[in-house]
């Protein structure tokens, strides 16, 4: 029944999409060629979706494109996005604004900027280092006398603001520079009727895994530098080409001054291989992110560096931007590697309300793992009765809820997605993934926007 409701919502969103684009004569009637878009194109519609980790989404959003005289279509000259919505499961308020253009600044320097507020009343917190952190499902938690509602939950307010600049160093090579600000306010769940006494977050603080100085969040000014190589034919929905990025990012800790200065790096490689004209594409991504030096606080460990927000959250591993079907932020550490593989089959093209549409079926396979653990020794110490007598969080069994002694291994999932794409730039997405390992949730559904890469 839930899946019927989800896909009904997806269909409702599609039928409510409309445009105020400048009208142009369709000179391609009766052919397979696209209508050339000109001027402004507005796409306001209800933000109606569903993500297993967050619940149902209600609200409104609008994608705004400016195509100028249409000479560069399907490339846009300016793109803007605004959203105000609420997720019922995590009880999350979203306020988001986004801008992207290669034509605002001189010399075609690309500016990508966003300001986002995420107010999570019930954010997921599953600990660190993947399988080294025990994961109990709802029945197991209830059997052990723990709160199935809030044991893996925290209250988290986040403000993210960034501006990234990209320029050319030749035909395909480019440079990157950026500045970002992060604010986190973290604590126990404060909603009524939610028992937070027995909570993994509190156990991590009591066991010394999360330093008390960082336990409630902080402020960070982050600097970004990098290089790119890009041969994709069209960035939002490529049919061929590759894109490689190397990003260095870090914070000098000039705001809170708690010793949380750090330098991290991320390397990603994305390749789009045409298998049959532009109808069938093999798309894959390989990525690694790690810490070079310094101390990245616990609440920043899950952030994945990005130059363009494909989806509102850039957190992993796990969830609808990395390993689909594995719980959001299930796989968190100082460093992690991941890969995603998709077949993208474009099987229907049509024109509707003076827009160009096509549909894509994308079966996928995802996997990743922690390669650089975060405070693993402190997790072991907190779980060792000889080193920490009297600290046995599980009130019934006495077993550790902090450290499982399991070795980290690949977290894997597979599934299928369906996309409806307007004017080759705006994509509505529905995806379903299932995790391979029984120690993780066995499936996840996501209805939202865009490909994950």
Protein backbone atom coordinates (compact mmCIF):
# COMPACT_ATOMS: atom_id res chain seq x y z
CA UNK A 1 0.00 0.00 0.00
CA UNK A 2 2.86 2.40 0.85
CA UNK A 3 4.43 1.93 -2.60
CA UNK A 4 1.06 2.63 -4.28
CA UNK A 5 0.77 5.89 -2.33
CA UNK A 6 4.37 6.85 -3.15
CA UNK A 7 4.04 6.35 -6.89
CA UNK A 8 0.64 8.09 -6.86
CA UNK A 9 2.33 11.13 -5.32
CA UNK A 10 5.04 10.92 -7.98
CA UNK A 11 2.39 10.93 -10.72
CA UNK A 12 0.61 13.88 -9.10
CA UNK A 13 3.80 15.95 -9.09
CA UNK A 14 4.33 15.21 -12.79
CA UNK A 15 0.87 16.39 -13.79
CA UNK A 16 1.20 19.64 -11.84
CA UNK A 17 4.47 20.72 -13.50
CA UNK A 18 3.95 23.72 -15.79
CA UNK A 19 5.90 26.56 -17.39
CA UNK A 20 5.85 30.30 -18.10
CA UNK A 21 8.61 30.01 -20.69
CA UNK A 22 8.73 32.47 -23.54
CA UNK A 23 6.58 30.98 -26.28
CA UNK A 24 8.40 29.91 -29.44
CA UNK A 25 7.09 28.33 -32.56
CA UNK A 26 7.62 24.57 -32.62
CA UNK A 27 9.30 24.12 -35.98
CA UNK A 28 9.94 20.46 -35.21
CA UNK A 29 6.34 19.24 -35.17
CA UNK A 30 6.14 15.69 -36.44
CA UNK A 31 9.88 15.13 -35.89
CA UNK A 32 11.95 13.82 -33.01
CA UNK A 33 13.83 17.10 -32.59
CA UNK A 34 13.42 19.15 -29.43
CA UNK A 35 11.61 22.43 -29.08
CA UNK A 36 14.33 25.06 -28.69
CA UNK A 37 13.71 26.78 -25.37
CA UNK A 38 14.12 30.54 -25.03
CA UNK A 39 13.73 33.09 -22.28
CA UNK A 40 12.58 32.18 -18.78
CA UNK A 41 11.27 28.75 -17.84
CA UNK A 42 9.55 28.39 -14.45
CA UNK A 43 8.76 25.05 -12.85
CA UNK A 44 6.78 25.60 -9.63
CA UNK A 45 5.11 22.59 -8.08
CA UNK A 46 4.35 21.03 -4.68
CA UNK A 47 7.35 19.43 -2.99
CA UNK A 48 5.58 16.09 -2.61
CA UNK A 49 7.93 13.15 -2.14
CA UNK A 50 9.12 10.39 0.12
CA UNK A 51 12.50 9.23 1.47
CA UNK A 52 12.67 6.18 3.74
CA UNK A 53 15.13 7.89 6.09
CA UNK A 54 13.13 11.13 6.34
CA UNK A 55 9.47 10.28 5.67
CA UNK A 56 6.92 12.03 3.46
CA UNK A 57 7.73 15.49 2.15
CA UNK A 58 5.20 18.33 1.91
CA UNK A 59 5.86 21.89 0.79
CA UNK A 60 6.65 23.82 -2.36
CA UNK A 61 9.62 24.40 -4.63
CA UNK A 62 10.41 26.12 -7.89
CA UNK A 63 13.13 25.54 -10.48
CA UNK A 64 13.85 28.59 -12.64
CA UNK A 65 15.87 28.47 -15.87
CA UNK A 66 16.90 31.26 -18.22
CA UNK A 67 17.86 30.16 -21.76
CA UNK A 68 18.39 33.58 -23.37
CA UNK A 69 17.92 33.48 -27.13
CA UNK A 70 18.06 29.66 -27.12
CA UNK A 71 21.36 29.47 -29.00
CA UNK A 72 22.97 27.41 -26.23
CA UNK A 73 20.00 25.12 -25.52
CA UNK A 74 19.91 22.61 -23.81
CA UNK A 75 22.49 24.50 -21.75
CA UNK A 76 20.96 27.22 -19.59
CA UNK A 77 22.43 30.63 -18.89
CA UNK A 78 21.14 30.83 -15.32
CA UNK A 79 19.48 28.38 -12.96
CA UNK A 80 17.80 29.11 -9.63
CA UNK A 81 15.98 26.90 -7.17
CA UNK A 82 14.00 27.73 -4.03
CA UNK A 83 12.35 25.27 -1.66
CA UNK A 84 10.43 25.31 1.61
CA UNK A 85 9.26 21.90 2.79
CA UNK A 86 8.83 19.56 5.74
CA UNK A 87 9.63 15.84 6.14
CA UNK A 88 7.22 14.03 8.44
CA UNK A 89 9.49 11.17 9.58
CA UNK A 90 12.59 13.07 10.68
CA UNK A 91 10.38 16.11 11.39
CA UNK A 92 12.70 18.22 9.26
CA UNK A 93 12.12 21.80 8.16
CA UNK A 94 13.90 22.66 4.89
CA UNK A 95 14.59 26.19 3.62
CA UNK A 96 16.83 26.23 0.56
CA UNK A 97 18.02 28.62 -2.14
CA UNK A 98 20.37 27.74 -5.02
CA UNK A 99 21.99 29.54 -7.98
CA UNK A 100 24.23 28.33 -10.82
CA UNK A 101 25.61 30.12 -13.90
CA UNK A 102 28.64 30.28 -16.21
CA UNK A 103 27.55 33.67 -17.54
CA UNK A 104 27.16 36.00 -14.56
CA UNK A 105 30.90 36.62 -14.03
CA UNK A 106 33.52 37.64 -16.61
CA UNK A 107 35.53 35.05 -18.60
CA UNK A 108 32.78 32.44 -18.15
CA UNK A 109 33.80 31.81 -14.55
CA UNK A 110 31.08 29.57 -13.16
CA UNK A 111 29.42 30.53 -9.89
CA UNK A 112 27.51 27.93 -7.90
CA UNK A 113 26.06 29.15 -4.60
CA UNK A 114 23.50 27.96 -2.07
CA UNK A 115 22.12 28.74 1.38
CA UNK A 116 20.34 25.93 3.22
CA UNK A 117 18.72 25.42 6.60
CA UNK A 118 17.89 21.87 7.73
CA UNK A 119 16.14 21.58 11.08
CA UNK A 120 16.09 17.87 11.93
CA UNK A 121 14.12 17.02 15.07
CA UNK A 122 14.84 13.29 14.54
CA UNK A 123 18.13 13.01 12.60
CA UNK A 124 19.72 9.56 12.22
CA UNK A 125 22.87 8.75 14.21
CA UNK A 126 24.17 5.17 13.88
CA UNK A 127 27.68 5.66 15.21
CA UNK A 128 30.95 5.35 13.36
CA UNK A 129 33.01 2.96 11.27
CA UNK A 130 30.32 0.94 9.56
CA UNK A 131 29.96 -2.65 10.75
CA UNK A 132 32.14 -1.89 13.79
CA UNK A 133 29.09 -0.09 15.19
CA UNK A 134 26.24 -2.50 16.13
CA UNK A 135 22.93 -1.96 14.38
CA UNK A 136 19.71 -3.18 16.02
CA UNK A 137 16.40 -3.16 14.21
CA UNK A 138 13.13 -2.09 15.81
CA UNK A 139 12.28 -5.53 17.19
CA UNK A 140 15.76 -6.01 18.66
CA UNK A 141 15.66 -2.61 20.35
CA UNK A 142 12.26 -3.26 21.88
CA UNK A 143 13.33 -6.73 23.05
CA UNK A 144 16.29 -5.14 24.84
CA UNK A 145 14.10 -2.52 26.51
CA UNK A 146 15.43 0.35 24.37
CA UNK A 147 13.51 3.08 22.60
CA UNK A 148 12.88 2.06 18.99
CA UNK A 149 11.79 5.64 18.28
CA UNK A 150 14.80 7.58 19.46
CA UNK A 151 17.75 5.28 20.23
CA UNK A 152 19.41 6.15 16.89
CA UNK A 153 18.14 9.74 16.79
CA UNK A 154 19.50 13.19 17.64
CA UNK A 155 18.21 16.73 17.28
CA UNK A 156 20.28 18.59 14.70
CA UNK A 157 20.02 22.08 13.21
CA UNK A 158 22.32 22.79 10.28
CA UNK A 159 23.02 25.95 8.29
CA UNK A 160 25.13 25.56 5.15
CA UNK A 161 26.19 28.44 2.90
CA UNK A 162 28.71 28.16 0.11
CA UNK A 163 29.97 29.82 -3.06
CA UNK A 164 32.12 27.85 -5.50
CA UNK A 165 33.92 29.29 -8.52
CA UNK A 166 35.13 27.28 -11.53
CA UNK A 167 37.26 28.46 -14.44
CA UNK A 168 38.87 26.95 -17.52
CA UNK A 169 42.52 25.89 -17.96
CA UNK A 170 42.01 24.74 -21.53
CA UNK A 171 39.31 22.88 -23.42
CA UNK A 172 38.54 20.30 -20.72
CA UNK A 173 40.71 21.14 -17.68
CA UNK A 174 39.50 23.56 -15.03
CA UNK A 175 40.26 25.05 -11.62
CA UNK A 176 38.06 25.29 -8.53
CA UNK A 177 38.00 27.68 -5.57
CA UNK A 178 35.32 28.08 -2.96
CA UNK A 179 34.28 29.23 0.48
CA UNK A 180 31.70 27.65 2.78
CA UNK A 181 30.21 28.23 6.22
CA UNK A 182 28.80 25.45 8.40
CA UNK A 183 26.78 25.78 11.60
CA UNK A 184 25.59 22.81 13.65
CA UNK A 185 23.48 22.77 16.82
CA UNK A 186 23.15 19.21 18.16
CA UNK A 187 21.51 17.61 21.17
CA UNK A 188 19.05 15.04 22.43
CA UNK A 189 15.61 14.70 20.89
CA UNK A 190 13.31 17.16 22.66
CA UNK A 191 9.94 16.06 21.30
CA UNK A 192 7.30 14.88 23.77
CA UNK A 193 6.83 11.14 24.33
CA UNK A 194 10.35 10.29 23.17
CA UNK A 195 12.58 8.62 25.73
CA UNK A 196 16.18 9.77 25.23
CA UNK A 197 17.80 8.37 28.38
CA UNK A 198 18.95 5.24 26.55
CA UNK A 199 20.44 6.79 23.42
CA UNK A 200 23.51 5.97 21.31
CA UNK A 201 24.51 9.63 21.12
CA UNK A 202 24.63 9.87 24.92
CA UNK A 203 26.63 6.63 25.16
CA UNK A 204 29.20 8.00 22.71
CA UNK A 205 29.62 11.11 24.86
CA UNK A 206 29.81 9.13 28.10
CA UNK A 207 32.31 6.72 26.56
CA UNK A 208 34.56 9.55 25.38
CA UNK A 209 34.15 8.73 21.68
CA UNK A 210 32.53 12.11 21.05
CA UNK A 211 34.50 14.85 22.87
CA UNK A 212 32.27 16.89 25.15
CA UNK A 213 33.63 20.09 23.60
CA UNK A 214 32.17 19.02 20.21
CA UNK A 215 29.05 17.24 21.44
CA UNK A 216 26.66 20.10 20.71
CA UNK A 217 28.03 21.30 17.38
CA UNK A 218 29.98 24.32 16.25
CA UNK A 219 30.85 26.81 13.51
CA UNK A 220 33.32 26.32 10.67
CA UNK A 221 34.62 28.43 7.83
CA UNK A 222 35.80 26.09 5.08
CA UNK A 223 38.11 26.84 2.14
CA UNK A 224 38.08 24.75 -1.03
CA UNK A 225 40.61 24.38 -3.88
CA UNK A 226 40.67 21.85 -6.68
CA UNK A 227 40.97 20.83 -10.30
CA UNK A 228 38.59 19.22 -12.79
CA UNK A 229 38.64 17.43 -16.14
CA UNK A 230 35.29 17.29 -17.92
CA UNK A 231 34.29 15.95 -21.36
CA UNK A 232 30.56 15.30 -20.72
CA UNK A 233 28.20 16.18 -23.55
CA UNK A 234 25.55 17.56 -21.18
CA UNK A 235 26.02 17.86 -17.43
CA UNK A 236 22.51 17.18 -15.98
CA UNK A 237 21.84 14.08 -18.14
CA UNK A 238 25.06 13.04 -19.94
CA UNK A 239 25.07 10.32 -22.58
CA UNK A 240 28.87 10.23 -23.06
CA UNK A 241 32.11 11.61 -21.62
CA UNK A 242 33.81 11.66 -18.24
CA UNK A 243 34.34 14.00 -15.32
CA UNK A 244 37.19 13.78 -12.81
CA UNK A 245 37.54 16.03 -9.77
CA UNK A 246 40.20 16.49 -7.11
CA UNK A 247 39.16 18.73 -4.22
CA UNK A 248 41.14 19.89 -1.19
CA UNK A 249 39.04 21.45 1.56
CA UNK A 250 39.75 22.47 5.12
CA UNK A 251 39.07 24.81 8.00
CA UNK A 252 41.55 27.05 9.87
CA UNK A 253 39.28 26.98 12.97
CA UNK A 254 39.11 30.76 13.29
CA UNK A 255 35.58 30.90 14.76
CA UNK A 256 35.18 28.47 17.69
CA UNK A 257 38.93 27.92 18.27
CA UNK A 258 38.58 24.41 19.72
CA UNK A 259 41.50 22.88 17.83
CA UNK A 260 39.26 21.59 15.03
CA UNK A 261 41.41 22.71 12.15
CA UNK A 262 41.59 20.10 9.39
CA UNK A 263 42.52 19.38 5.78
CA UNK A 264 40.60 16.76 3.79
CA UNK A 265 40.53 15.73 0.17
CA UNK A 266 38.14 14.04 -2.22
CA UNK A 267 38.80 12.42 -5.58
CA UNK A 268 35.94 11.31 -7.84
CA UNK A 269 35.79 9.84 -11.33
CA UNK A 270 32.54 9.66 -13.29
CA UNK A 271 32.28 7.98 -16.68
CA UNK A 272 29.35 7.80 -19.10
CA UNK A 273 29.75 5.13 -21.76
CA UNK A 274 27.27 5.10 -24.69
CA UNK A 275 26.14 1.54 -25.40
CA UNK A 276 23.44 2.28 -27.99
CA UNK A 277 23.36 5.79 -29.45
CA UNK A 278 21.88 8.10 -26.79
CA UNK A 279 19.26 5.54 -25.75
CA UNK A 280 21.43 3.37 -23.47
CA UNK A 281 24.32 4.57 -21.29
CA UNK A 282 26.51 2.83 -18.74
CA UNK A 283 27.23 5.38 -15.99
CA UNK A 284 29.57 4.77 -13.08
CA UNK A 285 31.22 6.77 -10.32
CA UNK A 286 34.26 5.91 -8.18
CA UNK A 287 35.09 8.11 -5.22
CA UNK A 288 37.35 8.44 -2.21
CA UNK A 289 37.31 10.98 0.61
CA UNK A 290 39.80 11.12 3.46
CA UNK A 291 41.52 13.19 6.11
CA UNK A 292 45.07 14.43 5.42
CA UNK A 293 45.71 16.18 8.72
CA UNK A 294 43.97 17.82 11.65
CA UNK A 295 40.79 17.05 13.57
CA UNK A 296 37.45 16.97 11.78
CA UNK A 297 34.67 17.01 14.46
CA UNK A 298 32.19 14.13 14.55
CA UNK A 299 29.28 16.10 13.10
CA UNK A 300 31.22 16.91 9.88
CA UNK A 301 32.47 13.37 9.18
CA UNK A 302 29.51 12.44 6.97
CA UNK A 303 29.70 15.49 4.66
CA UNK A 304 30.66 14.63 1.08
CA UNK A 305 32.51 17.39 -0.76
CA UNK A 306 30.69 18.51 -3.89
CA UNK A 307 30.86 21.23 -6.54
CA UNK A 308 27.20 20.95 -7.49
CA UNK A 309 24.35 19.83 -5.23
CA UNK A 310 22.54 17.10 -7.14
CA UNK A 311 20.30 16.60 -4.13
CA UNK A 312 19.61 18.71 -1.07
CA UNK A 313 21.73 16.63 1.31
CA UNK A 314 25.35 15.79 0.50
CA UNK A 315 25.76 13.22 3.28
CA UNK A 316 27.02 9.65 3.11
CA UNK A 317 27.66 6.89 3.08
CA UNK A 318 24.20 5.38 3.06
CA UNK A 319 21.00 7.06 1.98
CA UNK A 320 19.72 8.36 -1.31
CA UNK A 321 22.93 10.04 -2.52
CA UNK A 322 25.43 7.21 -2.10
CA UNK A 323 24.46 3.62 -1.12
CA UNK A 324 20.74 3.48 -1.82
CA UNK A 325 18.94 1.00 0.47
CA UNK A 326 21.47 1.37 3.31
CA UNK A 327 20.33 3.76 6.09
CA UNK A 328 21.41 7.39 5.85
CA UNK A 329 24.78 7.97 7.58
CA UNK A 330 25.16 4.29 8.45
CA UNK A 331 28.74 4.24 7.09
CA UNK A 332 30.66 7.16 8.63
CA UNK A 333 34.40 7.52 9.22
CA UNK A 334 37.37 9.83 8.66
CA UNK A 335 37.80 8.32 5.21
CA UNK A 336 35.63 6.20 2.94
CA UNK A 337 35.46 4.89 -0.61
CA UNK A 338 32.37 4.20 -2.72
CA UNK A 339 31.22 3.38 -6.20
CA UNK A 340 27.90 3.53 -8.06
CA UNK A 341 26.98 1.76 -11.31
CA UNK A 342 23.88 2.43 -13.40
CA UNK A 343 22.39 1.49 -16.74
CA UNK A 344 20.37 4.46 -18.04
CA UNK A 345 17.80 3.49 -20.66
CA UNK A 346 15.98 6.42 -22.30
CA UNK A 347 12.86 4.75 -23.58
CA UNK A 348 10.19 7.44 -24.15
CA UNK A 349 10.41 10.94 -25.65
CA UNK A 350 7.46 13.30 -25.97
CA UNK A 351 6.38 16.94 -25.92
CA UNK A 352 3.90 18.21 -23.33
CA UNK A 353 2.87 21.76 -22.28
CA UNK A 354 5.47 23.12 -24.72
CA UNK A 355 8.29 21.26 -22.95
CA UNK A 356 10.62 18.46 -24.07
CA UNK A 357 10.31 15.31 -21.93
CA UNK A 358 11.92 11.91 -21.81
CA UNK A 359 11.82 8.99 -19.36
CA UNK A 360 14.76 6.97 -18.11
CA UNK A 361 14.90 3.57 -16.43
CA UNK A 362 18.05 3.17 -14.33
CA UNK A 363 18.82 -0.15 -12.57
CA UNK A 364 21.78 0.39 -10.23
CA UNK A 365 24.37 -1.22 -7.98
CA UNK A 366 26.08 0.69 -5.12
CA UNK A 367 28.80 -0.15 -2.61
CA UNK A 368 31.20 1.54 -0.18
CA UNK A 369 33.14 1.15 3.06
CA UNK A 370 35.07 3.05 5.72
CA UNK A 371 38.79 3.09 4.92
CA UNK A 372 39.97 5.51 7.64
CA UNK A 373 38.21 4.90 10.98
CA UNK A 374 37.14 7.61 13.39
CA UNK A 375 38.04 7.07 17.09
CA UNK A 376 37.92 3.28 16.68
CA UNK A 377 40.28 2.74 19.62
CA UNK A 378 37.98 4.74 21.90
CA UNK A 379 35.02 2.66 20.73
CA UNK A 380 36.90 -0.51 21.73
CA UNK A 381 37.90 0.96 25.10
CA UNK A 382 34.34 2.02 25.92
CA UNK A 383 33.10 -1.52 25.14
CA UNK A 384 35.83 -3.34 27.11
CA UNK A 385 34.67 -4.18 30.70
CA UNK A 386 38.29 -4.49 31.81
CA UNK A 387 39.10 -0.95 30.68
CA UNK A 388 35.73 0.61 31.43
CA UNK A 389 34.03 -1.38 34.23
CA UNK A 390 30.40 -0.57 34.86
CA UNK A 391 29.83 0.88 31.39
CA UNK A 392 27.53 -1.76 29.81
CA UNK A 393 24.84 0.20 27.93
CA UNK A 394 22.51 -2.71 27.09
CA UNK A 395 20.34 -2.92 30.22
CA UNK A 396 19.27 -6.55 29.59
CA UNK A 397 22.12 -8.41 27.95
CA UNK A 398 25.11 -6.37 29.10
CA UNK A 399 26.45 -6.52 25.54
CA UNK A 400 28.03 -3.44 24.03
CA UNK A 401 25.86 -1.15 21.94
CA UNK A 402 28.96 0.79 20.93
CA UNK A 403 31.37 -1.74 19.41
CA UNK A 404 30.46 -4.97 17.63
CA UNK A 405 33.98 -6.36 17.01
CA UNK A 406 32.88 -6.98 13.40
CA UNK A 407 35.41 -6.08 10.74
CA UNK A 408 34.46 -3.43 8.25
CA UNK A 409 33.51 -4.79 4.84
CA UNK A 410 31.74 -3.61 1.72
CA UNK A 411 28.22 -2.25 2.25
CA UNK A 412 26.30 -3.12 -0.93
CA UNK A 413 22.88 -2.50 -2.40
CA UNK A 414 21.04 -2.73 -5.71
CA UNK A 415 17.76 -1.50 -7.09
CA UNK A 416 16.03 0.39 -9.84
CA UNK A 417 15.01 3.97 -10.54
CA UNK A 418 12.71 5.88 -12.87
CA UNK A 419 13.34 9.44 -14.07
CA UNK A 420 11.14 11.95 -15.86
CA UNK A 421 13.34 14.66 -17.37
CA UNK A 422 12.17 18.04 -18.67
CA UNK A 423 14.25 19.99 -21.20
CA UNK A 424 17.28 17.80 -20.37
CA UNK A 425 17.86 19.85 -17.18
CA UNK A 426 15.12 19.11 -14.64
CA UNK A 427 14.64 15.53 -13.44
CA UNK A 428 12.00 14.00 -11.19
CA UNK A 429 13.29 10.77 -9.67
CA UNK A 430 11.85 7.68 -7.98
CA UNK A 431 14.27 4.99 -6.74
CA UNK A 432 14.06 1.80 -4.73
CA UNK A 433 17.16 0.02 -3.36
CA UNK A 434 17.73 -3.04 -1.22
CA UNK A 435 20.74 -3.62 1.05
CA UNK A 436 22.56 -6.96 0.74
CA UNK A 437 23.59 -7.39 4.39
CA UNK A 438 21.03 -8.38 7.04
CA UNK A 439 22.81 -6.10 9.53
CA UNK A 440 21.32 -3.14 7.68
CA UNK A 441 17.82 -2.13 6.69
CA UNK A 442 16.76 -4.27 3.75
CA UNK A 443 15.29 -1.57 1.48
CA UNK A 444 14.88 2.14 0.94
CA UNK A 445 12.64 4.31 -1.25
CA UNK A 446 13.39 7.83 -2.46
CA UNK A 447 11.23 10.23 -4.49
CA UNK A 448 12.84 13.57 -5.26
CA UNK A 449 14.98 15.33 -7.84
CA UNK A 450 17.91 14.50 -10.13
CA UNK A 451 20.39 11.69 -10.58
CA UNK A 452 22.85 11.10 -7.74
CA UNK A 453 25.76 11.67 -10.17
